[in-house]
């Protein structure tokens, strides 16, 4: 088991003008290389990309974040496969992430570290009333093979990704101002299940919420705050990646 692990979410590569997108990409590459040098386990909790769909036509994969994926591939080979829980913007993957060496998870991952129980998920529409934490109906529809197959028959890779980018812009900007829905969801899950920590992203608001039965951490959005969670020697805290100094520092809300 790795004594140090980081958890990141909501990078949304491809969502921004080139200058900003390049800056996000370079900061993430530095973080991956930092983790490779120090053998820190990386866990991605969704929306690494703002829009992603692989097409069977000529084995098409988006050109988004190719440098990041190449860096991750080296990390996955030389350190350990990074966990990749797909989010609501990057769930249309059909093998490419596995080919890059990721440990891909479509829904959630239960993890135990030093006897502490963790639930890792992206946070989009997970029902707290079921033991297996399924995604909500709308999100299951978007992942349905029949829907995806029909989409790929109607659209070419170029037009399909363009339509997806438009959809992603709308959904990324919607409902990311209120922390209460995910806070309430975490509280309900703690009341039903034996967990010590829940970690998610999705609403882009970095925070730590302590409940009577566990601690909920929202990772915020890497694209805006560079925030993430770090597990180190049985301690879990919300931290920030500072690319200029190549260091991980405590997150103080700034």
Protein backbone atom coordinates (compact mmCIF):
# COMPACT_ATOMS: atom_id res chain seq x y z
CA UNK A 1 0.00 0.00 0.00
CA UNK A 2 1.18 3.51 -0.80
CA UNK A 3 1.69 5.66 2.31
CA UNK A 4 0.93 8.77 0.25
CA UNK A 5 -2.00 9.14 -2.11
CA UNK A 6 -3.60 12.11 -3.84
CA UNK A 7 -7.15 12.53 -5.12
CA UNK A 8 -7.97 15.02 -7.89
CA UNK A 9 -11.10 15.84 -9.87
CA UNK A 10 -12.58 18.19 -12.46
CA UNK A 11 -9.60 19.15 -14.60
CA UNK A 12 -11.90 19.64 -17.62
CA UNK A 13 -9.14 19.65 -20.22
CA UNK A 14 -10.45 21.08 -23.47
CA UNK A 15 -12.96 23.47 -21.91
CA UNK A 16 -10.93 26.64 -22.16
CA UNK A 17 -9.05 28.91 -24.61
CA UNK A 18 -5.68 27.53 -25.65
CA UNK A 19 -3.54 29.63 -23.30
CA UNK A 20 -5.52 28.63 -20.19
CA UNK A 21 -5.87 25.03 -21.33
CA UNK A 22 -2.09 24.78 -21.89
CA UNK A 23 -1.45 26.20 -18.42
CA UNK A 24 -3.76 23.66 -16.78
CA UNK A 25 -2.16 20.87 -18.79
CA UNK A 26 1.39 21.87 -17.86
CA UNK A 27 0.52 22.20 -14.16
CA UNK A 28 -1.04 18.73 -14.19
CA UNK A 29 1.96 17.23 -15.98
CA UNK A 30 4.25 18.67 -13.31
CA UNK A 31 2.04 17.11 -10.64
CA UNK A 32 2.11 13.69 -12.31
CA UNK A 33 5.90 13.83 -12.61
CA UNK A 34 6.14 14.93 -8.96
CA UNK A 35 4.07 11.92 -7.92
CA UNK A 36 6.14 9.61 -10.10
CA UNK A 37 9.40 10.82 -8.55
CA UNK A 38 8.07 10.39 -4.99
CA UNK A 39 5.97 7.27 -5.72
CA UNK A 40 2.66 8.84 -4.69
CA UNK A 41 -0.51 7.03 -5.75
CA UNK A 42 -2.81 9.12 -7.99
CA UNK A 43 -6.61 8.77 -7.91
CA UNK A 44 -8.71 10.67 -10.48
CA UNK A 45 -12.33 11.16 -9.47
CA UNK A 46 -13.82 12.15 -12.80
CA UNK A 47 -13.94 14.85 -15.46
CA UNK A 48 -10.28 14.80 -16.38
CA UNK A 49 -11.62 15.86 -19.77
CA UNK A 50 -14.43 18.28 -20.51
CA UNK A 51 -15.71 16.09 -23.32
CA UNK A 52 -14.51 12.69 -24.45
CA UNK A 53 -15.80 10.03 -26.78
CA UNK A 54 -13.96 7.28 -28.58
CA UNK A 55 -15.44 6.23 -31.93
CA UNK A 56 -15.02 2.77 -33.47
CA UNK A 57 -14.48 4.47 -36.83
CA UNK A 58 -10.76 4.05 -37.53
CA UNK A 59 -10.21 3.56 -33.78
CA UNK A 60 -10.77 7.29 -33.28
CA UNK A 61 -9.80 8.86 -29.94
CA UNK A 62 -9.95 12.61 -29.17
CA UNK A 63 -6.73 14.58 -29.44
CA UNK A 64 -7.43 16.20 -26.08
CA UNK A 65 -4.69 16.11 -23.49
CA UNK A 66 -2.34 13.85 -25.43
CA UNK A 67 0.68 15.11 -23.46
CA UNK A 68 -1.12 14.47 -20.18
CA UNK A 69 -2.07 10.94 -21.25
CA UNK A 70 1.51 10.23 -22.33
CA UNK A 71 2.75 11.41 -18.93
CA UNK A 72 0.16 9.30 -17.15
CA UNK A 73 1.14 6.29 -19.26
CA UNK A 74 4.73 6.58 -18.01
CA UNK A 75 3.47 6.95 -14.44
CA UNK A 76 1.14 3.96 -14.79
CA UNK A 77 3.99 1.84 -16.10
CA UNK A 78 6.69 2.93 -13.69
CA UNK A 79 4.77 3.49 -10.43
CA UNK A 80 1.28 1.97 -10.36
CA UNK A 81 -1.92 2.24 -12.41
CA UNK A 82 -3.70 5.46 -11.48
CA UNK A 83 -7.33 4.96 -10.52
CA UNK A 84 -9.64 6.71 -13.00
CA UNK A 85 -13.28 6.98 -11.94
CA UNK A 86 -14.99 8.45 -14.97
CA UNK A 87 -17.23 11.47 -14.45
CA UNK A 88 -20.20 12.86 -16.34
CA UNK A 89 -17.96 14.53 -18.95
CA UNK A 90 -15.52 11.71 -19.74
CA UNK A 91 -17.54 8.52 -19.44
CA UNK A 92 -17.61 7.51 -23.14
CA UNK A 93 -14.42 5.50 -23.06
CA UNK A 94 -14.16 2.12 -24.74
CA UNK A 95 -10.68 0.88 -23.88
CA UNK A 96 -8.26 3.71 -24.57
CA UNK A 97 -7.75 4.62 -20.92
CA UNK A 98 -7.05 0.97 -20.09
CA UNK A 99 -4.56 0.89 -22.96
CA UNK A 100 -2.83 3.84 -21.31
CA UNK A 101 -2.52 1.76 -18.14
CA UNK A 102 -5.27 3.28 -15.99
CA UNK A 103 -7.33 1.32 -13.48
CA UNK A 104 -10.72 2.45 -14.84
CA UNK A 105 -13.87 2.49 -12.72
CA UNK A 106 -17.23 3.60 -14.12
CA UNK A 107 -19.12 4.29 -10.91
CA UNK A 108 -17.41 4.26 -7.52
CA UNK A 109 -14.60 2.61 -5.58
CA UNK A 110 -14.58 1.47 -1.96
CA UNK A 111 -11.11 1.69 -0.47
CA UNK A 112 -9.60 0.80 2.89
CA UNK A 113 -6.47 2.58 4.10
CA UNK A 114 -5.05 1.91 7.58
CA UNK A 115 -8.45 0.49 8.69
CA UNK A 116 -10.30 3.62 7.48
CA UNK A 117 -13.08 3.06 4.93
CA UNK A 118 -13.33 5.40 1.94
CA UNK A 119 -16.03 5.88 -0.70
CA UNK A 120 -14.58 7.46 -3.84
CA UNK A 121 -16.94 8.78 -6.51
CA UNK A 122 -17.36 11.65 -8.93
CA UNK A 123 -20.59 12.87 -7.35
CA UNK A 124 -22.93 13.22 -10.32
CA UNK A 125 -26.37 11.97 -9.51
CA UNK A 126 -25.43 9.08 -7.24
CA UNK A 127 -28.46 7.75 -5.35
CA UNK A 128 -27.93 7.36 -1.62
CA UNK A 129 -30.80 4.89 -1.28
CA UNK A 130 -29.09 1.88 -2.82
CA UNK A 131 -26.22 -0.19 -1.50
CA UNK A 132 -24.27 -0.04 -4.76
CA UNK A 133 -24.50 3.76 -5.18
CA UNK A 134 -25.86 3.68 -8.76
CA UNK A 135 -25.83 6.77 -10.93
CA UNK A 136 -29.13 8.54 -11.52
CA UNK A 137 -31.37 7.52 -14.42
CA UNK A 138 -30.25 10.34 -16.74
CA UNK A 139 -26.60 9.46 -16.34
CA UNK A 140 -27.27 5.76 -16.85
CA UNK A 141 -29.09 6.67 -20.08
CA UNK A 142 -26.10 8.63 -21.35
CA UNK A 143 -23.89 5.59 -20.73
CA UNK A 144 -26.33 3.08 -22.24
CA UNK A 145 -24.71 1.15 -25.13
CA UNK A 146 -27.83 1.58 -27.29
CA UNK A 147 -27.79 5.36 -26.83
CA UNK A 148 -24.05 5.61 -27.45
CA UNK A 149 -24.25 3.38 -30.54
CA UNK A 150 -27.07 5.49 -31.97
CA UNK A 151 -25.16 8.70 -31.27
CA UNK A 152 -22.11 7.40 -33.08
CA UNK A 153 -24.18 6.38 -36.09
CA UNK A 154 -25.75 9.83 -36.38
CA UNK A 155 -22.57 11.83 -35.83
CA UNK A 156 -19.09 11.65 -37.28
CA UNK A 157 -16.25 11.95 -34.75
CA UNK A 158 -15.78 15.63 -35.62
CA UNK A 159 -19.45 16.62 -35.40
CA UNK A 160 -20.08 14.31 -32.46
CA UNK A 161 -17.32 15.89 -30.37
CA UNK A 162 -18.50 19.38 -31.37
CA UNK A 163 -22.01 18.58 -30.13
CA UNK A 164 -20.59 17.06 -26.97
CA UNK A 165 -18.47 20.16 -26.33
CA UNK A 166 -21.57 22.35 -26.54
CA UNK A 167 -23.42 20.05 -24.13
CA UNK A 168 -20.42 20.00 -21.78
CA UNK A 169 -20.24 23.80 -21.68
CA UNK A 170 -23.87 23.97 -20.57
CA UNK A 171 -23.65 21.27 -17.91
CA UNK A 172 -20.30 22.47 -16.51
CA UNK A 173 -21.71 25.94 -15.84
CA UNK A 174 -24.97 24.67 -14.33
CA UNK A 175 -25.60 23.82 -10.69
CA UNK A 176 -22.06 24.42 -9.46
CA UNK A 177 -22.89 27.22 -7.02
CA UNK A 178 -24.54 25.29 -4.20
CA UNK A 179 -22.67 22.82 -1.97
CA UNK A 180 -25.78 21.63 -0.13
CA UNK A 181 -26.96 18.84 -2.51
CA UNK A 182 -23.69 16.92 -2.23
CA UNK A 183 -23.36 17.72 1.47
CA UNK A 184 -26.83 16.24 2.08
CA UNK A 185 -26.02 13.26 -0.10
CA UNK A 186 -22.87 12.57 1.92
CA UNK A 187 -24.79 12.85 5.20
CA UNK A 188 -27.39 10.32 4.00
CA UNK A 189 -24.72 7.89 2.82
CA UNK A 190 -22.91 8.09 6.18
CA UNK A 191 -26.18 7.33 7.95
CA UNK A 192 -26.70 4.18 5.86
CA UNK A 193 -23.18 2.82 5.45
CA UNK A 194 -20.14 2.17 7.58
CA UNK A 195 -17.70 4.69 6.12
CA UNK A 196 -15.08 7.03 7.54
CA UNK A 197 -14.57 9.25 4.50
CA UNK A 198 -16.42 10.18 1.33
CA UNK A 199 -14.43 11.93 -1.37
CA UNK A 200 -15.95 13.40 -4.51
CA UNK A 201 -15.78 16.31 -6.93
CA UNK A 202 -18.43 17.47 -9.41
CA UNK A 203 -19.73 20.72 -7.90
CA UNK A 204 -16.32 22.47 -8.08
CA UNK A 205 -16.46 23.81 -4.48
CA UNK A 206 -13.47 22.65 -2.39
CA UNK A 207 -14.41 21.98 1.23
CA UNK A 208 -14.27 19.66 4.22
CA UNK A 209 -17.54 18.81 5.95
CA UNK A 210 -17.51 16.86 9.22
CA UNK A 211 -20.57 14.82 10.17
CA UNK A 212 -21.20 12.72 13.26
CA UNK A 213 -20.39 9.50 11.38
CA UNK A 214 -17.69 10.59 8.96
CA UNK A 215 -15.87 13.28 7.00
CA UNK A 216 -16.80 14.45 3.50
CA UNK A 217 -14.20 16.10 1.28
CA UNK A 218 -15.04 17.77 -1.99
CA UNK A 219 -11.96 18.16 -4.14
CA UNK A 220 -13.08 21.32 -5.91
CA UNK A 221 -11.99 21.94 -9.49
CA UNK A 222 -8.34 21.44 -10.39
CA UNK A 223 -8.81 23.76 -13.38
CA UNK A 224 -9.57 26.75 -11.13
CA UNK A 225 -8.12 26.14 -7.65
CA UNK A 226 -5.56 23.34 -8.19
CA UNK A 227 -7.04 21.75 -5.08
CA UNK A 228 -6.94 18.05 -4.23
CA UNK A 229 -6.91 15.78 -1.21
CA UNK A 230 -3.79 14.10 0.13
CA UNK A 231 -3.59 11.01 2.32
CA UNK A 232 -0.34 10.74 4.24
CA UNK A 233 0.37 8.46 7.20
CA UNK A 234 -3.30 8.03 8.20
CA UNK A 235 -4.04 11.76 7.78
CA UNK A 236 -6.34 13.13 5.05
CA UNK A 237 -6.43 16.83 4.22
CA UNK A 238 -7.45 19.24 1.50
CA UNK A 239 -4.34 20.62 -0.18
CA UNK A 240 -3.28 22.63 -3.21
CA UNK A 241 -0.77 21.98 -5.98
CA UNK A 242 1.64 24.86 -6.45
CA UNK A 243 3.31 24.28 -9.80
CA UNK A 244 5.72 27.23 -9.57
CA UNK A 245 7.39 25.83 -6.46
CA UNK A 246 6.70 22.21 -7.44
CA UNK A 247 5.12 21.51 -4.08
CA UNK A 248 1.92 20.48 -2.33
CA UNK A 249 0.77 23.06 0.23
CA UNK A 250 -2.19 23.26 2.66
CA UNK A 251 -5.35 24.72 1.16
CA UNK A 252 -6.43 27.81 3.08
CA UNK A 253 -9.37 28.79 0.93
CA UNK A 254 -7.36 30.97 -1.44
